[in-house]
Amino acid sequence: MNAGMKKYLIVIAVLAIALAMVPFALGFNQYYILLAATSLIFAVFVVAWNIIGGYAGQLDLAPIAYVGVGGIVAAQLLKYYGITPWIGMFIGAGASMLLAAAIGYPTFRFGIKEVWYALLTSSLVVILNNIAHLPQFLGSLDHYLPAKTGWYYLIFPDYQNLYYIIVALLIATILINLKISNSKMGYYLRAIREDELAAEALGIDVRKYKLMALITYAGIMGFSGYLYIVLQGTYSYHTFDSPTSLTIAIMGIIGGLGSIAGAFTSAVFLKTVEEYLRSTIGATIPGLYLLIYGILLIVVGIFKPEGIAALFNWIKKKMGFENRGM
């Protein structure tokens, strides 16, 4: 392991310690811990989205589809068969990966990309929403997890245990990103993002690596889905929510494509602001956070197309870090 990688691992360790101290800093106030956990689960989503949207350059607008499939599978296995989410989350991740493979293989095989890929993935959320709404599936009613608590169910009377599980998942997702960024797959994905035709001309199997990126990202999303449902307290066909899916992609774009630090910072900041606005003036001006996202996209597009990543790139140069996708 070289010195550059050691520096990044030290930064990740410091981040983990800092996040572990957050409940103490909040005085174990359950509302604020719930807010922090919600912000961090979105950080997981955006950092995972960075694999397909940042490294591979594919504008995927279906993140909540994979979150919903994975989460609902794990929740239904617990509710009807008593299978612990420690197992159900892996099964849910597998279901999301199968869905990604079923969508991604023909999509990449026939060369669908750019705006058409964005439209196709966006429509996937709508399709799943309508399927889940059918009486044979979830129907029109809200569904709830069993009214039990404990590590077997990953449901707790307080939020700090769930918060620490999400912190561990976030650190794991960051490490997966860093591993991909510094692997042959990462170099190939960045080449595809910059110029797909040139990458193919150089002998890179474009379809293979885009599909690998899609399946990896979908697996993380599906695994996280149950934790998202626990935070929400309920699940239904509304879990497949297009605005939420779009929000995750916007956070990734504002953070800077290919930047782990930018994705994390963008998600935590924007989700915290969103939840604060909802709790304060949400009833007076509903949807204000969407207006703020739109303004930020315009500002970033005009002044800093590379997003928050530009700030972190400047810091890395000052600190002597190598460019490893952070």
C-alpha atoms as a PDB file:
ATOM      1  CA  MET A   1       0.000   0.000   0.000  1.00  0.00           C
ATOM      2  CA  ASN A   2       1.519   3.321  -1.065  1.00  0.00           C
ATOM      3  CA  ALA A   3       1.581   6.562   0.923  1.00  0.00           C
ATOM      4  CA  GLY A   4      -1.263   8.110  -1.102  1.00  0.00           C
ATOM      5  CA  MET A   5      -3.656   5.284  -0.318  1.00  0.00           C
ATOM      6  CA  LYS A   6      -2.686   5.378   3.349  1.00  0.00           C
ATOM      7  CA  LYS A   7      -3.632   9.075   3.455  1.00  0.00           C
ATOM      8  CA  TYR A   8      -7.082   8.296   2.097  1.00  0.00           C
ATOM      9  CA  LEU A   9      -7.631   5.475   4.558  1.00  0.00           C
ATOM     10  CA  ILE A  10      -6.646   7.826   7.383  1.00  0.00           C
ATOM     11  CA  VAL A  11      -9.180  10.391   6.114  1.00  0.00           C
ATOM     12  CA  ILE A  12     -11.889   7.694   5.986  1.00  0.00           C
ATOM     13  CA  ALA A  13     -11.003   6.556   9.520  1.00  0.00           C
ATOM     14  CA  VAL A  14     -11.226  10.153  10.778  1.00  0.00           C
ATOM     15  CA  LEU A  15     -14.592  10.530   9.031  1.00  0.00           C
ATOM     16  CA  ALA A  16     -15.863   7.334  10.682  1.00  0.00           C
ATOM     17  CA  ILE A  17     -14.790   8.563  14.118  1.00  0.00           C
ATOM     18  CA  ALA A  18     -16.345  12.003  13.519  1.00  0.00           C
ATOM     19  CA  LEU A  19     -19.645  10.449  12.418  1.00  0.00           C
ATOM     20  CA  ALA A  20     -19.591   8.108  15.430  1.00  0.00           C
ATOM     21  CA  MET A  21     -19.403  11.160  17.716  1.00  0.00           C
ATOM     22  CA  VAL A  22     -22.454  12.875  16.168  1.00  0.00           C
ATOM     23  CA  PRO A  23     -25.075  11.330  18.543  1.00  0.00           C
ATOM     24  CA  PHE A  24     -22.989  12.494  21.507  1.00  0.00           C
ATOM     25  CA  ALA A  25     -22.736  16.000  20.026  1.00  0.00           C
ATOM     26  CA  LEU A  26     -26.520  16.019  19.546  1.00  0.00           C
ATOM     27  CA  GLY A  27     -27.103  15.036  23.165  1.00  0.00           C
ATOM     28  CA  PHE A  28     -28.821  11.845  21.936  1.00  0.00           C
ATOM     29  CA  ASN A  29     -31.821  13.925  20.864  1.00  0.00           C
ATOM     30  CA  GLN A  30     -33.839  11.353  18.899  1.00  0.00           C
ATOM     31  CA  TYR A  31     -35.250  13.798  16.360  1.00  0.00           C
ATOM     32  CA  TYR A  32     -31.808  15.090  15.415  1.00  0.00           C
ATOM     33  CA  ILE A  33     -30.342  11.595  15.296  1.00  0.00           C
ATOM     34  CA  LEU A  34     -33.172  10.578  12.950  1.00  0.00           C
ATOM     35  CA  LEU A  35     -32.360  13.619  10.797  1.00  0.00           C
ATOM     36  CA  ALA A  36     -28.664  12.674  10.787  1.00  0.00           C
ATOM     37  CA  ALA A  37     -29.457   9.044   9.911  1.00  0.00           C
ATOM     38  CA  THR A  38     -31.721  10.173   7.053  1.00  0.00           C
ATOM     39  CA  SER A  39     -28.986  12.453   5.693  1.00  0.00           C
ATOM     40  CA  LEU A  40     -26.438   9.632   5.876  1.00  0.00           C
ATOM     41  CA  ILE A  41     -28.653   7.052   4.152  1.00  0.00           C
ATOM     42  CA  PHE A  42     -28.954   9.531   1.288  1.00  0.00           C
ATOM     43  CA  ALA A  43     -25.177   9.906   1.386  1.00  0.00           C
ATOM     44  CA  VAL A  44     -25.004   6.120   0.886  1.00  0.00           C
ATOM     45  CA  PHE A  45     -27.364   6.414  -2.092  1.00  0.00           C
ATOM     46  CA  VAL A  46     -25.441   9.267  -3.716  1.00  0.00           C
ATOM     47  CA  VAL A  47     -22.000   7.711  -3.155  1.00  0.00           C
ATOM     48  CA  ALA A  48     -23.343   4.460  -4.657  1.00  0.00           C
ATOM     49  CA  TRP A  49     -24.881   6.421  -7.569  1.00  0.00           C
ATOM     50  CA  ASN A  50     -21.400   7.840  -8.166  1.00  0.00           C
ATOM     51  CA  ILE A  51     -20.335   4.436  -9.511  1.00  0.00           C
ATOM     52  CA  ILE A  52     -22.749   4.543 -12.451  1.00  0.00           C
ATOM     53  CA  GLY A  53     -23.295   8.294 -12.764  1.00  0.00           C
ATOM     54  CA  GLY A  54     -19.842   9.573 -11.801  1.00  0.00           C
ATOM     55  CA  TYR A  55     -17.334   7.006 -13.006  1.00  0.00           C
ATOM     56  CA  ALA A  56     -19.320   5.575 -15.928  1.00  0.00           C
ATOM     57  CA  GLY A  57     -21.028   8.867 -16.846  1.00  0.00           C
ATOM     58  CA  GLN A  58     -24.493   7.313 -17.201  1.00  0.00           C
ATOM     59  CA  LEU A  59     -27.344   9.599 -16.110  1.00  0.00           C
ATOM     60  CA  ASP A  60     -29.248   6.935 -14.193  1.00  0.00           C
ATOM     61  CA  LEU A  61     -32.535   8.259 -12.803  1.00  0.00           C
ATOM     62  CA  ALA A  62     -33.734   5.001 -11.262  1.00  0.00           C
ATOM     63  CA  PRO A  63     -31.892   4.787  -7.914  1.00  0.00           C
ATOM     64  CA  ILE A  64     -35.095   4.611  -5.880  1.00  0.00           C
ATOM     65  CA  ALA A  65     -36.258   1.684  -8.029  1.00  0.00           C
ATOM     66  CA  TYR A  66     -33.385  -0.447  -6.735  1.00  0.00           C
ATOM     67  CA  VAL A  67     -33.787   0.909  -3.200  1.00  0.00           C
ATOM     68  CA  GLY A  68     -37.497   0.057  -3.278  1.00  0.00           C
ATOM     69  CA  VAL A  69     -37.087  -3.437  -4.692  1.00  0.00           C
ATOM     70  CA  GLY A  70     -34.361  -4.383  -2.224  1.00  0.00           C
ATOM     71  CA  GLY A  71     -36.105  -2.824   0.747  1.00  0.00           C
ATOM     72  CA  ILE A  72     -39.560  -4.206   0.024  1.00  0.00           C
ATOM     73  CA  VAL A  73     -38.201  -7.725  -0.607  1.00  0.00           C
ATOM     74  CA  ALA A  74     -36.392  -7.676   2.767  1.00  0.00           C
ATOM     75  CA  ALA A  75     -39.427  -6.175   4.530  1.00  0.00           C
ATOM     76  CA  GLN A  76     -41.841  -8.729   3.061  1.00  0.00           C
ATOM     77  CA  LEU A  77     -39.516 -11.616   3.954  1.00  0.00           C
ATOM     78  CA  LEU A  78     -39.455 -10.391   7.546  1.00  0.00           C
ATOM     79  CA  LYS A  79     -43.174  -9.666   7.723  1.00  0.00           C
ATOM     80  CA  TYR A  80     -44.490 -12.900   6.227  1.00  0.00           C
ATOM     81  CA  TYR A  81     -41.686 -15.455   6.761  1.00  0.00           C
ATOM     82  CA  GLY A  82     -39.855 -14.113   9.803  1.00  0.00           C
ATOM     83  CA  ILE A  83     -36.542 -13.982   7.931  1.00  0.00           C
ATOM     84  CA  THR A  84     -34.163 -11.582   9.642  1.00  0.00           C
ATOM     85  CA  PRO A  85     -33.134  -8.550   7.558  1.00  0.00           C
ATOM     86  CA  TRP A  86     -29.498  -9.604   8.089  1.00  0.00           C
ATOM     87  CA  ILE A  87     -30.369 -12.220   5.470  1.00  0.00           C
ATOM     88  CA  GLY A  88     -33.217 -10.360   3.770  1.00  0.00           C
ATOM     89  CA  MET A  89     -31.041  -7.378   2.882  1.00  0.00           C
ATOM     90  CA  PHE A  90     -28.690  -9.641   0.912  1.00  0.00           C
ATOM     91  CA  ILE A  91     -31.661 -11.235  -0.860  1.00  0.00           C
ATOM     92  CA  GLY A  92     -33.046  -7.771  -1.562  1.00  0.00           C
ATOM     93  CA  ALA A  93     -29.675  -6.692  -2.932  1.00  0.00           C
ATOM     94  CA  GLY A  94     -29.687  -9.756  -5.183  1.00  0.00           C
ATOM     95  CA  ALA A  95     -33.186  -8.886  -6.444  1.00  0.00           C
ATOM     96  CA  SER A  96     -32.053  -5.345  -7.261  1.00  0.00           C
ATOM     97  CA  MET A  97     -28.979  -6.668  -9.052  1.00  0.00           C
ATOM     98  CA  LEU A  98     -31.126  -9.033 -11.131  1.00  0.00           C
ATOM     99  CA  LEU A  99     -33.416  -6.130 -12.039  1.00  0.00           C
ATOM    100  CA  ALA A 100     -30.378  -4.034 -13.017  1.00  0.00           C
ATOM    101  CA  ALA A 101     -29.025  -6.872 -15.171  1.00  0.00           C
ATOM    102  CA  ALA A 102     -32.426  -7.344 -16.842  1.00  0.00           C
ATOM    103  CA  ILE A 103     -32.631  -3.617 -17.631  1.00  0.00           C
ATOM    104  CA  GLY A 104     -28.966  -2.951 -18.300  1.00  0.00           C
ATOM    105  CA  TYR A 105     -28.065  -5.823 -20.621  1.00  0.00           C
ATOM    106  CA  PRO A 106     -30.494  -4.993 -23.464  1.00  0.00           C
ATOM    107  CA  THR A 107     -30.089  -1.261 -22.856  1.00  0.00           C
ATOM    108  CA  PHE A 108     -26.306  -1.314 -23.257  1.00  0.00           C
ATOM    109  CA  ARG A 109     -26.450  -4.070 -25.876  1.00  0.00           C
ATOM    110  CA  PHE A 110     -28.469  -1.830 -28.187  1.00  0.00           C
ATOM    111  CA  GLY A 111     -26.419   1.260 -27.415  1.00  0.00           C
ATOM    112  CA  ILE A 112     -29.055   3.288 -25.559  1.00  0.00           C
ATOM    113  CA  LYS A 113     -27.271   6.168 -23.810  1.00  0.00           C
ATOM    114  CA  GLU A 114     -27.355   9.840 -22.821  1.00  0.00           C
ATOM    115  CA  VAL A 115     -30.848  11.370 -22.726  1.00  0.00           C
ATOM    116  CA  TRP A 116     -32.527   8.144 -23.885  1.00  0.00           C
ATOM    117  CA  TYR A 117     -30.882   6.198 -21.078  1.00  0.00           C
ATOM    118  CA  ALA A 118     -32.039   8.858 -18.602  1.00  0.00           C
ATOM    119  CA  LEU A 119     -35.621   8.646 -19.873  1.00  0.00           C
ATOM    120  CA  LEU A 120     -35.597   4.841 -19.806  1.00  0.00           C
ATOM    121  CA  THR A 121     -34.358   4.658 -16.212  1.00  0.00           C
ATOM    122  CA  SER A 122     -36.765   7.378 -15.119  1.00  0.00           C
ATOM    123  CA  SER A 123     -39.654   5.392 -16.579  1.00  0.00           C
ATOM    124  CA  LEU A 124     -38.554   2.320 -14.602  1.00  0.00           C
ATOM    125  CA  VAL A 125     -39.544   4.052 -11.349  1.00  0.00           C
ATOM    126  CA  VAL A 126     -42.981   4.872 -12.749  1.00  0.00           C
ATOM    127  CA  ILE A 127     -43.470   1.311 -14.004  1.00  0.00           C
ATOM    128  CA  LEU A 128     -42.557  -0.199 -10.623  1.00  0.00           C
ATOM    129  CA  ASN A 129     -44.814   2.310  -8.879  1.00  0.00           C
ATOM    130  CA  ASN A 130     -47.766   1.159 -10.978  1.00  0.00           C
ATOM    131  CA  ILE A 131     -46.946  -2.544 -10.592  1.00  0.00           C
ATOM    132  CA  ALA A 132     -46.636  -2.218  -6.804  1.00  0.00           C
ATOM    133  CA  HIS A 133     -49.999  -0.395  -6.767  1.00  0.00           C
ATOM    134  CA  LEU A 134     -51.767  -3.474  -8.138  1.00  0.00           C
ATOM    135  CA  PRO A 135     -53.867  -5.448  -5.603  1.00  0.00           C
ATOM    136  CA  GLN A 136     -51.781  -8.556  -6.299  1.00  0.00           C
ATOM    137  CA  PHE A 137     -48.711  -6.773  -4.923  1.00  0.00           C
ATOM    138  CA  LEU A 138     -48.848  -3.953  -2.346  1.00  0.00           C
ATOM    139  CA  GLY A 139     -52.140  -2.357  -3.338  1.00  0.00           C
ATOM    140  CA  SER A 140     -53.188   1.076  -2.126  1.00  0.00           C
ATOM    141  CA  LEU A 141     -52.510   0.598   1.585  1.00  0.00           C
ATOM    142  CA  ASP A 142     -49.429   1.439   3.611  1.00  0.00           C
ATOM    143  CA  HIS A 143     -47.535  -1.565   4.969  1.00  0.00           C
ATOM    144  CA  TYR A 144     -45.701  -1.632   8.290  1.00  0.00           C
ATOM    145  CA  LEU A 145     -42.835  -3.636   9.685  1.00  0.00           C
ATOM    146  CA  PRO A 146     -43.519  -5.979  12.647  1.00  0.00           C
ATOM    147  CA  ALA A 147     -44.039  -4.133  15.927  1.00  0.00           C
ATOM    148  CA  LYS A 148     -40.982  -5.761  17.427  1.00  0.00           C
ATOM    149  CA  THR A 149     -37.556  -4.442  18.331  1.00  0.00           C
ATOM    150  CA  GLY A 150     -34.079  -5.898  18.530  1.00  0.00           C
ATOM    151  CA  TRP A 151     -31.035  -6.690  16.446  1.00  0.00           C
ATOM    152  CA  TYR A 152     -32.860  -9.592  14.783  1.00  0.00           C
ATOM    153  CA  TYR A 153     -35.313  -7.119  13.226  1.00  0.00           C
ATOM    154  CA  LEU A 154     -32.951  -4.117  12.979  1.00  0.00           C
ATOM    155  CA  ILE A 155     -35.750  -2.110  14.575  1.00  0.00           C
ATOM    156  CA  PHE A 156     -34.928  -0.242  17.747  1.00  0.00           C
ATOM    157  CA  PRO A 157     -36.803   1.933  20.252  1.00  0.00           C
ATOM    158  CA  ASP A 158     -34.118   4.608  19.718  1.00  0.00           C
ATOM    159  CA  TYR A 159     -32.378   5.682  16.529  1.00  0.00           C
ATOM    160  CA  GLN A 160     -28.709   5.593  17.518  1.00  0.00           C
ATOM    161  CA  ASN A 161     -28.190   1.877  16.775  1.00  0.00           C
ATOM    162  CA  LEU A 162     -29.703   2.312  13.326  1.00  0.00           C
ATOM    163  CA  TYR A 163     -27.579   5.427  12.859  1.00  0.00           C
ATOM    164  CA  TYR A 164     -24.371   3.463  13.556  1.00  0.00           C
ATOM    165  CA  ILE A 165     -25.410   0.704  11.141  1.00  0.00           C
ATOM    166  CA  ILE A 166     -25.886   3.346   8.438  1.00  0.00           C
ATOM    167  CA  VAL A 167     -22.483   4.860   9.273  1.00  0.00           C
ATOM    168  CA  ALA A 168     -20.887   1.416   8.795  1.00  0.00           C
ATOM    169  CA  LEU A 169     -22.727   0.999   5.470  1.00  0.00           C
ATOM    170  CA  LEU A 170     -21.592   4.454   4.336  1.00  0.00           C
ATOM    171  CA  ILE A 171     -17.939   3.701   5.125  1.00  0.00           C
ATOM    172  CA  ALA A 172     -18.235   0.383   3.257  1.00  0.00           C
ATOM    173  CA  THR A 173     -19.763   2.183   0.240  1.00  0.00           C
ATOM    174  CA  ILE A 174     -16.947   4.749   0.241  1.00  0.00           C
ATOM    175  CA  LEU A 175     -14.350   1.953   0.355  1.00  0.00           C
ATOM    176  CA  ILE A 176     -16.073   0.171  -2.563  1.00  0.00           C
ATOM    177  CA  ASN A 177     -15.962   3.432  -4.538  1.00  0.00           C
ATOM    178  CA  LEU A 178     -12.287   3.903  -3.727  1.00  0.00           C
ATOM    179  CA  LYS A 179     -11.505   0.307  -4.699  1.00  0.00           C
ATOM    180  CA  ILE A 180     -13.302   0.702  -8.037  1.00  0.00           C
ATOM    181  CA  SER A 181     -11.701   4.091  -8.673  1.00  0.00           C
ATOM    182  CA  ASN A 182      -8.205   2.619  -8.384  1.00  0.00           C
ATOM    183  CA  SER A 183      -8.880  -0.592 -10.279  1.00  0.00           C
ATOM    184  CA  LYS A 184      -8.806  -1.413 -13.965  1.00  0.00           C
ATOM    185  CA  MET A 185     -12.592  -1.129 -13.922  1.00  0.00           C
ATOM    186  CA  GLY A 186     -12.373   2.451 -12.638  1.00  0.00           C
ATOM    187  CA  TYR A 187      -9.931   3.518 -15.335  1.00  0.00           C
ATOM    188  CA  TYR A 188     -12.097   1.901 -18.008  1.00  0.00           C
ATOM    189  CA  LEU A 189     -15.260   3.547 -16.664  1.00  0.00           C
ATOM    190  CA  ARG A 190     -13.647   7.002 -16.706  1.00  0.00           C
ATOM    191  CA  ALA A 191     -12.507   6.388 -20.273  1.00  0.00           C
ATOM    192  CA  ILE A 192     -16.087   5.447 -21.200  1.00  0.00           C
ATOM    193  CA  ARG A 193     -17.387   8.592 -19.499  1.00  0.00           C
ATOM    194  CA  GLU A 194     -14.998  10.853 -21.406  1.00  0.00           C
ATOM    195  CA  ASP A 195     -15.473   9.292 -24.856  1.00  0.00           C
ATOM    196  CA  GLU A 196     -17.357   6.036 -25.258  1.00  0.00           C
ATOM    197  CA  LEU A 197     -16.486   5.571 -28.922  1.00  0.00           C
ATOM    198  CA  ALA A 198     -12.796   6.168 -28.301  1.00  0.00           C
ATOM    199  CA  ALA A 199     -12.845   3.749 -25.365  1.00  0.00           C
ATOM    200  CA  GLU A 200     -14.428   1.085 -27.560  1.00  0.00           C
ATOM    201  CA  ALA A 201     -11.854   1.748 -30.275  1.00  0.00           C
ATOM    202  CA  LEU A 202      -9.103   1.118 -27.718  1.00  0.00           C
ATOM    203  CA  GLY A 203     -10.527  -2.332 -27.041  1.00  0.00           C
ATOM    204  CA  ILE A 204     -12.493  -1.672 -23.858  1.00  0.00           C
ATOM    205  CA  ASP A 205     -15.598  -3.832 -23.558  1.00  0.00           C
ATOM    206  CA  VAL A 206     -17.921  -0.862 -23.011  1.00  0.00           C
ATOM    207  CA  ARG A 207     -21.108  -2.870 -22.500  1.00  0.00           C
ATOM    208  CA  LYS A 208     -19.462  -5.196 -19.976  1.00  0.00           C
ATOM    209  CA  TYR A 209     -18.045  -2.475 -17.752  1.00  0.00           C
ATOM    210  CA  LYS A 210     -21.154  -0.296 -17.840  1.00  0.00           C
ATOM    211  CA  LEU A 211     -23.218  -3.331 -16.837  1.00  0.00           C
ATOM    212  CA  MET A 212     -20.776  -4.151 -14.022  1.00  0.00           C
ATOM    213  CA  ALA A 213     -21.047  -0.577 -12.734  1.00  0.00           C
ATOM    214  CA  LEU A 214     -24.851  -0.691 -12.920  1.00  0.00           C
ATOM    215  CA  ILE A 215     -25.116  -4.017 -11.085  1.00  0.00           C
ATOM    216  CA  THR A 216     -22.669  -2.923  -8.360  1.00  0.00           C
ATOM    217  CA  TYR A 217     -24.544   0.320  -7.758  1.00  0.00           C
ATOM    218  CA  ALA A 218     -27.919  -1.454  -7.789  1.00  0.00           C
ATOM    219  CA  GLY A 219     -26.672  -4.016  -5.271  1.00  0.00           C
ATOM    220  CA  ILE A 220     -25.658  -1.327  -2.775  1.00  0.00           C
ATOM    221  CA  MET A 221     -28.972   0.450  -3.285  1.00  0.00           C
ATOM    222  CA  GLY A 222     -30.939  -2.756  -2.792  1.00  0.00           C
ATOM    223  CA  PHE A 223     -28.996  -3.656   0.344  1.00  0.00           C
ATOM    224  CA  SER A 224     -29.695  -0.178   1.782  1.00  0.00           C
ATOM    225  CA  GLY A 225     -33.408  -0.335   0.997  1.00  0.00           C
ATOM    226  CA  TYR A 226     -34.521  -2.022   4.218  1.00  0.00           C
ATOM    227  CA  LEU A 227     -32.743   0.585   6.353  1.00  0.00           C
ATOM    228  CA  TYR A 228     -34.480   3.288   4.314  1.00  0.00           C
ATOM    229  CA  ILE A 229     -37.865   1.676   5.007  1.00  0.00           C
ATOM    230  CA  VAL A 230     -37.102   1.489   8.750  1.00  0.00           C
ATOM    231  CA  LEU A 231     -36.331   5.209   8.738  1.00  0.00           C
ATOM    232  CA  GLN A 232     -39.531   5.940   6.801  1.00  0.00           C
ATOM    233  CA  GLY A 233     -41.582   3.742   9.134  1.00  0.00           C
ATOM    234  CA  THR A 234     -43.719   2.363   6.320  1.00  0.00           C
ATOM    235  CA  TYR A 235     -43.582   1.128   2.731  1.00  0.00           C
ATOM    236  CA  SER A 236     -46.043   1.070  -0.143  1.00  0.00           C
ATOM    237  CA  TYR A 237     -46.178   1.761  -3.852  1.00  0.00           C
ATOM    238  CA  HIS A 238     -45.221   5.320  -2.879  1.00  0.00           C
ATOM    239  CA  THR A 239     -41.762   3.973  -2.037  1.00  0.00           C
ATOM    240  CA  PHE A 240     -41.111   4.089  -5.780  1.00  0.00           C
ATOM    241  CA  ASP A 241     -41.113   7.885  -5.778  1.00  0.00           C
ATOM    242  CA  SER A 242     -39.835   9.677  -8.898  1.00  0.00           C
ATOM    243  CA  PRO A 243     -38.959  13.008  -7.169  1.00  0.00           C
ATOM    244  CA  THR A 244     -36.812  11.145  -4.611  1.00  0.00           C
ATOM    245  CA  SER A 245     -35.071   9.265  -7.395  1.00  0.00           C
ATOM    246  CA  LEU A 246     -34.388  12.495  -9.251  1.00  0.00           C
ATOM    247  CA  THR A 247     -33.148  14.127  -6.041  1.00  0.00           C
ATOM    248  CA  ILE A 248     -30.448  11.458  -5.605  1.00  0.00           C
ATOM    249  CA  ALA A 249     -29.169  12.052  -9.138  1.00  0.00           C
ATOM    250  CA  ILE A 250     -29.206  15.841  -8.624  1.00  0.00           C
ATOM    251  CA  MET A 251     -27.175  15.451  -5.428  1.00  0.00           C
ATOM    252  CA  GLY A 252     -24.626  13.392  -7.339  1.00  0.00           C
ATOM    253  CA  ILE A 253     -24.353  15.977 -10.118  1.00  0.00           C
ATOM    254  CA  ILE A 254     -23.992  18.892  -7.690  1.00  0.00           C
ATOM    255  CA  GLY A 255     -21.350  16.931  -5.765  1.00  0.00           C
ATOM    256  CA  GLY A 256     -19.294  16.457  -8.915  1.00  0.00           C
ATOM    257  CA  LEU A 257     -19.201  13.400 -11.150  1.00  0.00           C
ATOM    258  CA  GLY A 258     -16.633  10.903  -9.954  1.00  0.00           C
ATOM    259  CA  SER A 259     -15.955  12.614  -6.622  1.00  0.00           C
ATOM    260  CA  ILE A 260     -16.632  10.566  -3.477  1.00  0.00           C
ATOM    261  CA  ALA A 261     -16.102  13.542  -1.167  1.00  0.00           C
ATOM    262  CA  GLY A 262     -18.319  15.741  -3.347  1.00  0.00           C
ATOM    263  CA  ALA A 263     -21.099  13.145  -3.399  1.00  0.00           C
ATOM    264  CA  PHE A 264     -20.972  12.733   0.384  1.00  0.00           C
ATOM    265  CA  THR A 265     -20.911  16.473   1.088  1.00  0.00           C
ATOM    266  CA  SER A 266     -23.671  17.274  -1.391  1.00  0.00           C
ATOM    267  CA  ALA A 267     -25.982  14.562  -0.008  1.00  0.00           C
ATOM    268  CA  VAL A 268     -25.489  15.452   3.663  1.00  0.00           C
ATOM    269  CA  PHE A 269     -25.831  19.195   3.125  1.00  0.00           C
ATOM    270  CA  LEU A 270     -28.785  19.145   0.724  1.00  0.00           C
ATOM    271  CA  LYS A 271     -30.734  16.456   2.600  1.00  0.00           C
ATOM    272  CA  THR A 272     -30.252  18.262   5.904  1.00  0.00           C
ATOM    273  CA  VAL A 273     -31.451  21.535   4.351  1.00  0.00           C
ATOM    274  CA  GLU A 274     -34.403  19.722   2.759  1.00  0.00           C
ATOM    275  CA  GLU A 275     -35.518  18.151   6.039  1.00  0.00           C
ATOM    276  CA  TYR A 276     -35.080  21.454   7.879  1.00  0.00           C
ATOM    277  CA  LEU A 277     -37.190  23.335   5.318  1.00  0.00           C
ATOM    278  CA  ARG A 278     -39.882  20.654   5.454  1.00  0.00           C
ATOM    279  CA  SER A 279     -40.099  20.859   9.236  1.00  0.00           C
ATOM    280  CA  THR A 280     -40.156  24.663   9.363  1.00  0.00           C
ATOM    281  CA  ILE A 281     -41.871  26.161   6.313  1.00  0.00           C
ATOM    282  CA  GLY A 282     -42.849  23.012   4.415  1.00  0.00           C
ATOM    283  CA  ALA A 283     -46.550  23.507   5.098  1.00  0.00           C
ATOM    284  CA  THR A 284     -46.386  27.134   3.953  1.00  0.00           C
ATOM    285  CA  ILE A 285     -44.216  26.686   0.854  1.00  0.00           C
ATOM    286  CA  PRO A 286     -44.348  22.997  -0.132  1.00  0.00           C
ATOM    287  CA  GLY A 287     -41.651  21.835  -2.528  1.00  0.00           C
ATOM    288  CA  LEU A 288     -39.308  24.731  -1.745  1.00  0.00           C
ATOM    289  CA  TYR A 289     -36.337  22.358  -1.573  1.00  0.00           C
ATOM    290  CA  LEU A 290     -36.929  21.390  -5.220  1.00  0.00           C
ATOM    291  CA  LEU A 291     -36.694  25.060  -6.184  1.00  0.00           C
ATOM    292  CA  ILE A 292     -33.416  25.291  -4.262  1.00  0.00           C
ATOM    293  CA  TYR A 293     -32.084  22.192  -6.055  1.00  0.00           C
ATOM    294  CA  GLY A 294     -33.023  23.738  -9.396  1.00  0.00           C
ATOM    295  CA  ILE A 295     -31.258  27.002  -8.568  1.00  0.00           C
ATOM    296  CA  LEU A 296     -28.165  25.107  -7.396  1.00  0.00           C
ATOM    297  CA  LEU A 297     -28.081  23.089 -10.623  1.00  0.00           C
ATOM    298  CA  ILE A 298     -28.221  26.300 -12.678  1.00  0.00           C
ATOM    299  CA  VAL A 299     -25.514  27.964 -10.578  1.00  0.00           C
ATOM    300  CA  VAL A 300     -23.257  24.901 -10.691  1.00  0.00           C
ATOM    301  CA  GLY A 301     -23.821  24.483 -14.424  1.00  0.00           C
ATOM    302  CA  ILE A 302     -22.858  28.089 -15.127  1.00  0.00           C
ATOM    303  CA  PHE A 303     -20.005  28.706 -12.695  1.00  0.00           C
ATOM    304  CA  LYS A 304     -18.658  25.308 -11.593  1.00  0.00           C
ATOM    305  CA  PRO A 305     -19.671  22.453 -13.931  1.00  0.00           C
ATOM    306  CA  GLU A 306     -17.399  20.103 -11.961  1.00  0.00           C
ATOM    307  CA  GLY A 307     -19.524  20.706  -8.839  1.00  0.00           C
ATOM    308  CA  ILE A 308     -18.339  20.579  -5.235  1.00  0.00           C
ATOM    309  CA  ALA A 309     -15.540  18.287  -6.439  1.00  0.00           C
ATOM    310  CA  ALA A 310     -13.646  21.375  -7.625  1.00  0.00           C
ATOM    311  CA  LEU A 311     -13.189  22.505  -4.025  1.00  0.00           C
ATOM    312  CA  PHE A 312     -11.954  19.091  -2.900  1.00  0.00           C
ATOM    313  CA  ASN A 313      -9.555  18.842  -5.877  1.00  0.00           C
ATOM    314  CA  TRP A 314      -8.014  22.155  -4.786  1.00  0.00           C
ATOM    315  CA  ILE A 315      -7.702  20.904  -1.194  1.00  0.00           C
ATOM    316  CA  LYS A 316      -6.120  17.639  -2.371  1.00  0.00           C
ATOM    317  CA  LYS A 317      -3.483  19.512  -4.361  1.00  0.00           C
ATOM    318  CA  LYS A 318      -2.658  21.666  -1.333  1.00  0.00           C
ATOM    319  CA  MET A 319      -2.351  18.571   0.896  1.00  0.00           C
ATOM    320  CA  GLY A 320      -0.372  16.540  -1.627  1.00  0.00           C
ATOM    321  CA  PHE A 321      -2.946  13.788  -2.160  1.00  0.00           C
ATOM    322  CA  GLU A 322      -2.889  11.697  -5.305  1.00  0.00           C
ATOM    323  CA  ASN A 323      -5.954  11.777  -7.539  1.00  0.00           C
ATOM    324  CA  ARG A 324      -7.737   8.571  -6.533  1.00  0.00           C
ATOM    325  CA  GLY A 325     -11.351   9.479  -7.110  1.00  0.00           C
ATOM    326  CA  MET A 326     -12.036  10.962  -3.675  1.00  0.00           C
END
